[in-house]
Structures are given as C-alpha cells and as structure tokens.
Amino acid sequence: MSLPIASAAGEILKVGYWSVLATVGVSVVFALAVLGLSRGGELRRAGRQTAAGIYTAMAVGSFALCAGAAVYGLILVGQKG
C-alpha cells in the first residue's frame, strides 16, 4: 500500500516544483515590465528617445508575457473541471 502514497507524494512534489518555478518566472517578467516603464519614462524626459523606446518595448513585451501566462493558467483551470 505504500506505493500509491509514494506516487502521490512524487506528483505533489512535481506540482510544487513547477508552481514555484512559474511564480518566480512570472514575477521576474513583471519586474522587467515595471523596470522598462520607469526607465523608459526617465529616458524620455532626458531626451534619449531611442533608449526610451527600447525600454518601453521591453515593458510592453513583458506585460504581454504576463497576460499570456494568466490566460494560459485560466485555460488550464478550465480544462481540469
């Protein structure tokens, strides 16, 4: 009887590992988005339009990745039910 318990424990550890990895990944991407917006604004006020554009593009891409991760999570939750 210990085999199903060990199997369930292994699955729980796998879910825990991937959830921590996803949480850290999305948090880092969101932090990049905030960084891009703040630096882009500073550089725009300083007259450095090219660098400001690059930081703003990074922010937009990062926000898009965060939104995609949220939508993907909702899709996964909907499929499990």
N, C-alpha and C. Protein backbone atom coordinates (compact mmCIF):
# COMPACT_ATOMS: atom_id res chain seq x y z
N MET A 1 0.79 -1.20 0.00
CA MET A 1 0.00 0.00 0.00
C MET A 1 0.84 1.27 0.00
N SER A 2 2.09 1.19 0.24
CA SER A 2 2.92 2.39 0.29
C SER A 2 3.26 2.91 -1.10
N LEU A 3 3.13 2.08 -2.13
CA LEU A 3 3.45 2.52 -3.48
C LEU A 3 2.52 3.64 -3.97
N PRO A 4 1.20 3.56 -3.81
CA PRO A 4 0.36 4.69 -4.25
C PRO A 4 0.64 5.97 -3.47
N ILE A 5 0.98 5.84 -2.21
CA ILE A 5 1.28 7.04 -1.41
C ILE A 5 2.57 7.68 -1.91
N ALA A 6 3.56 6.86 -2.21
CA ALA A 6 4.82 7.39 -2.73
C ALA A 6 4.61 8.04 -4.09
N SER A 7 3.76 7.43 -4.91
CA SER A 7 3.47 8.00 -6.21
C SER A 7 2.76 9.34 -6.07
N ALA A 8 1.81 9.41 -5.15
CA ALA A 8 1.10 10.67 -4.93
C ALA A 8 2.04 11.74 -4.38
N ALA A 9 2.95 11.35 -3.51
CA ALA A 9 3.91 12.31 -2.96
C ALA A 9 4.82 12.85 -4.06
N GLY A 10 5.22 11.97 -4.97
CA GLY A 10 6.05 12.40 -6.09
C GLY A 10 5.33 13.39 -6.99
N GLU A 11 4.05 13.15 -7.23
CA GLU A 11 3.26 14.06 -8.05
C GLU A 11 3.07 15.41 -7.35
N ILE A 12 2.87 15.38 -6.05
CA ILE A 12 2.71 16.62 -5.29
C ILE A 12 4.00 17.43 -5.33
N LEU A 13 5.13 16.77 -5.20
CA LEU A 13 6.42 17.47 -5.28
C LEU A 13 6.64 18.07 -6.67
N LYS A 14 6.22 17.33 -7.70
CA LYS A 14 6.36 17.83 -9.06
C LYS A 14 5.50 19.09 -9.27
N VAL A 15 4.27 19.05 -8.78
CA VAL A 15 3.38 20.22 -8.90
C VAL A 15 3.96 21.40 -8.12
N GLY A 16 4.48 21.13 -6.92
CA GLY A 16 5.08 22.19 -6.11
C GLY A 16 6.28 22.82 -6.80
N TYR A 17 7.12 21.99 -7.40
CA TYR A 17 8.31 22.48 -8.11
C TYR A 17 7.90 23.40 -9.26
N TRP A 18 6.97 22.94 -10.10
CA TRP A 18 6.57 23.73 -11.26
C TRP A 18 5.82 24.99 -10.88
N SER A 19 5.05 24.93 -9.79
CA SER A 19 4.33 26.14 -9.38
C SER A 19 5.29 27.19 -8.85
N VAL A 20 6.31 26.78 -8.12
CA VAL A 20 7.31 27.74 -7.63
C VAL A 20 8.09 28.33 -8.81
N LEU A 21 8.46 27.48 -9.75
CA LEU A 21 9.19 27.95 -10.93
C LEU A 21 8.35 28.94 -11.75
N ALA A 22 7.07 28.65 -11.94
CA ALA A 22 6.21 29.56 -12.69
C ALA A 22 6.01 30.87 -11.95
N THR A 23 5.85 30.80 -10.63
CA THR A 23 5.66 32.02 -9.84
C THR A 23 6.88 32.92 -9.92
N VAL A 24 8.05 32.35 -9.77
CA VAL A 24 9.28 33.15 -9.85
C VAL A 24 9.45 33.71 -11.26
N GLY A 25 9.19 32.90 -12.27
CA GLY A 25 9.33 33.36 -13.65
C GLY A 25 8.42 34.52 -13.99
N VAL A 26 7.13 34.40 -13.63
CA VAL A 26 6.19 35.48 -13.92
C VAL A 26 6.54 36.72 -13.11
N SER A 27 7.00 36.54 -11.88
CA SER A 27 7.39 37.70 -11.06
C SER A 27 8.57 38.44 -11.67
N VAL A 28 9.55 37.71 -12.18
CA VAL A 28 10.71 38.34 -12.81
C VAL A 28 10.29 39.08 -14.08
N VAL A 29 9.42 38.47 -14.87
CA VAL A 29 8.97 39.12 -16.11
C VAL A 29 8.17 40.38 -15.78
N PHE A 30 7.33 40.33 -14.75
CA PHE A 30 6.57 41.52 -14.35
C PHE A 30 7.50 42.61 -13.84
N ALA A 31 8.54 42.22 -13.11
CA ALA A 31 9.51 43.20 -12.63
C ALA A 31 10.23 43.87 -13.81
N LEU A 32 10.52 43.11 -14.85
CA LEU A 32 11.12 43.70 -16.04
C LEU A 32 10.17 44.70 -16.70
N ALA A 33 8.88 44.41 -16.66
CA ALA A 33 7.91 45.34 -17.24
C ALA A 33 7.89 46.65 -16.45
N VAL A 34 7.89 46.56 -15.15
CA VAL A 34 7.90 47.77 -14.32
C VAL A 34 9.20 48.54 -14.53
N LEU A 35 10.32 47.83 -14.59
CA LEU A 35 11.60 48.48 -14.86
C LEU A 35 11.58 49.19 -16.20
N GLY A 36 11.06 48.53 -17.22
CA GLY A 36 11.00 49.13 -18.55
C GLY A 36 10.17 50.39 -18.57
N LEU A 37 9.03 50.38 -17.88
CA LEU A 37 8.20 51.58 -17.86
C LEU A 37 8.86 52.73 -17.11
N SER A 38 9.48 52.43 -15.98
CA SER A 38 10.09 53.51 -15.20
C SER A 38 11.32 54.07 -15.91
N ARG A 39 12.18 53.20 -16.42
CA ARG A 39 13.37 53.70 -17.13
C ARG A 39 13.00 54.39 -18.43
N GLY A 40 11.99 53.86 -19.11
CA GLY A 40 11.56 54.49 -20.35
C GLY A 40 11.08 55.92 -20.13
N GLY A 41 10.33 56.12 -19.04
CA GLY A 41 9.86 57.47 -18.72
C GLY A 41 11.01 58.40 -18.38
N GLU A 42 11.95 57.90 -17.58
CA GLU A 42 13.11 58.73 -17.22
C GLU A 42 13.92 59.12 -18.45
N LEU A 43 14.16 58.15 -19.32
CA LEU A 43 14.96 58.44 -20.51
C LEU A 43 14.22 59.34 -21.49
N ARG A 44 12.92 59.21 -21.56
CA ARG A 44 12.15 60.08 -22.45
C ARG A 44 12.24 61.53 -21.98
N ARG A 45 12.16 61.73 -20.66
CA ARG A 45 12.28 63.09 -20.12
C ARG A 45 13.69 63.64 -20.31
N ALA A 46 14.68 62.75 -20.35
CA ALA A 46 16.06 63.19 -20.55
C ALA A 46 16.39 63.41 -22.03
N GLY A 47 15.44 63.11 -22.91
CA GLY A 47 15.66 63.35 -24.33
C GLY A 47 16.32 62.21 -25.07
N ARG A 48 16.44 61.07 -24.46
CA ARG A 48 17.07 59.90 -25.11
C ARG A 48 15.96 58.99 -25.65
N GLN A 49 15.44 59.35 -26.81
CA GLN A 49 14.26 58.70 -27.36
C GLN A 49 14.50 57.24 -27.76
N THR A 50 15.66 56.95 -28.31
CA THR A 50 15.93 55.59 -28.75
C THR A 50 15.97 54.62 -27.58
N ALA A 51 16.71 54.98 -26.55
CA ALA A 51 16.79 54.13 -25.37
C ALA A 51 15.44 54.02 -24.68
N ALA A 52 14.69 55.12 -24.66
CA ALA A 52 13.36 55.10 -24.06
C ALA A 52 12.44 54.16 -24.83
N GLY A 53 12.55 54.17 -26.13
CA GLY A 53 11.75 53.26 -26.96
C GLY A 53 12.08 51.81 -26.71
N ILE A 54 13.36 51.52 -26.52
CA ILE A 54 13.77 50.14 -26.25
C ILE A 54 13.22 49.67 -24.91
N TYR A 55 13.33 50.50 -23.89
CA TYR A 55 12.80 50.13 -22.57
C TYR A 55 11.28 49.99 -22.61
N THR A 56 10.62 50.86 -23.36
CA THR A 56 9.16 50.77 -23.46
C THR A 56 8.75 49.50 -24.20
N ALA A 57 9.48 49.14 -25.24
CA ALA A 57 9.20 47.89 -25.95
C ALA A 57 9.41 46.68 -25.04
N MET A 58 10.44 46.74 -24.21
CA MET A 58 10.66 45.66 -23.25
C MET A 58 9.50 45.55 -22.28
N ALA A 59 8.99 46.71 -21.85
CA ALA A 59 7.86 46.71 -20.91
C ALA A 59 6.60 46.13 -21.57
N VAL A 60 6.34 46.52 -22.79
CA VAL A 60 5.15 46.02 -23.49
C VAL A 60 5.26 44.51 -23.70
N GLY A 61 6.43 44.05 -24.11
CA GLY A 61 6.63 42.61 -24.29
C GLY A 61 6.49 41.84 -22.99
N SER A 62 7.00 42.40 -21.91
CA SER A 62 6.91 41.74 -20.62
C SER A 62 5.48 41.68 -20.13
N PHE A 63 4.73 42.77 -20.30
CA PHE A 63 3.32 42.76 -19.92
C PHE A 63 2.54 41.74 -20.76
N ALA A 64 2.89 41.63 -22.03
CA ALA A 64 2.21 40.66 -22.89
C ALA A 64 2.50 39.23 -22.42
N LEU A 65 3.74 38.96 -22.01
CA LEU A 65 4.07 37.63 -21.49
C LEU A 65 3.30 37.33 -20.21
N CYS A 66 3.18 38.32 -19.33
CA CYS A 66 2.42 38.13 -18.09
C CYS A 66 0.96 37.86 -18.39
N ALA A 67 0.40 38.61 -19.31
CA ALA A 67 -1.01 38.40 -19.68
C ALA A 67 -1.19 37.02 -20.31
N GLY A 68 -0.24 36.62 -21.13
CA GLY A 68 -0.30 35.28 -21.74
C GLY A 68 -0.23 34.18 -20.70
N ALA A 69 0.61 34.37 -19.69
CA ALA A 69 0.71 33.37 -18.62
C ALA A 69 -0.59 33.28 -17.84
N ALA A 70 -1.23 34.42 -17.60
CA ALA A 70 -2.50 34.43 -16.87
C ALA A 70 -3.59 33.73 -17.69
N VAL A 71 -3.66 34.02 -18.97
CA VAL A 71 -4.65 33.38 -19.84
C VAL A 71 -4.40 31.88 -19.92
N TYR A 72 -3.15 31.49 -20.05
CA TYR A 72 -2.81 30.07 -20.10
C TYR A 72 -3.23 29.37 -18.81
N GLY A 73 -3.00 30.00 -17.68
CA GLY A 73 -3.41 29.43 -16.41
C GLY A 73 -4.92 29.26 -16.33
N LEU A 74 -5.66 30.26 -16.80
CA LEU A 74 -7.12 30.15 -16.80
C LEU A 74 -7.60 29.04 -17.73
N ILE A 75 -6.94 28.88 -18.86
CA ILE A 75 -7.29 27.79 -19.77
C ILE A 75 -7.05 26.44 -19.11
N LEU A 76 -5.93 26.31 -18.43
CA LEU A 76 -5.64 25.05 -17.75
C LEU A 76 -6.66 24.75 -16.66
N VAL A 77 -7.05 25.75 -15.91
CA VAL A 77 -8.05 25.55 -14.87
C VAL A 77 -9.38 25.16 -15.48
N GLY A 78 -9.74 25.77 -16.60
CA GLY A 78 -10.99 25.44 -17.26
C GLY A 78 -11.01 24.04 -17.82
N GLN A 79 -9.87 23.53 -18.27
CA GLN A 79 -9.80 22.18 -18.83
C GLN A 79 -9.85 21.12 -17.74
N LYS A 80 -9.43 21.43 -16.55
CA LYS A 80 -9.40 20.43 -15.49
C LYS A 80 -10.79 20.14 -14.93
N GLY A 81 -11.72 21.10 -15.09
CA GLY A 81 -13.05 20.97 -14.50
C GLY A 81 -13.97 20.15 -15.28
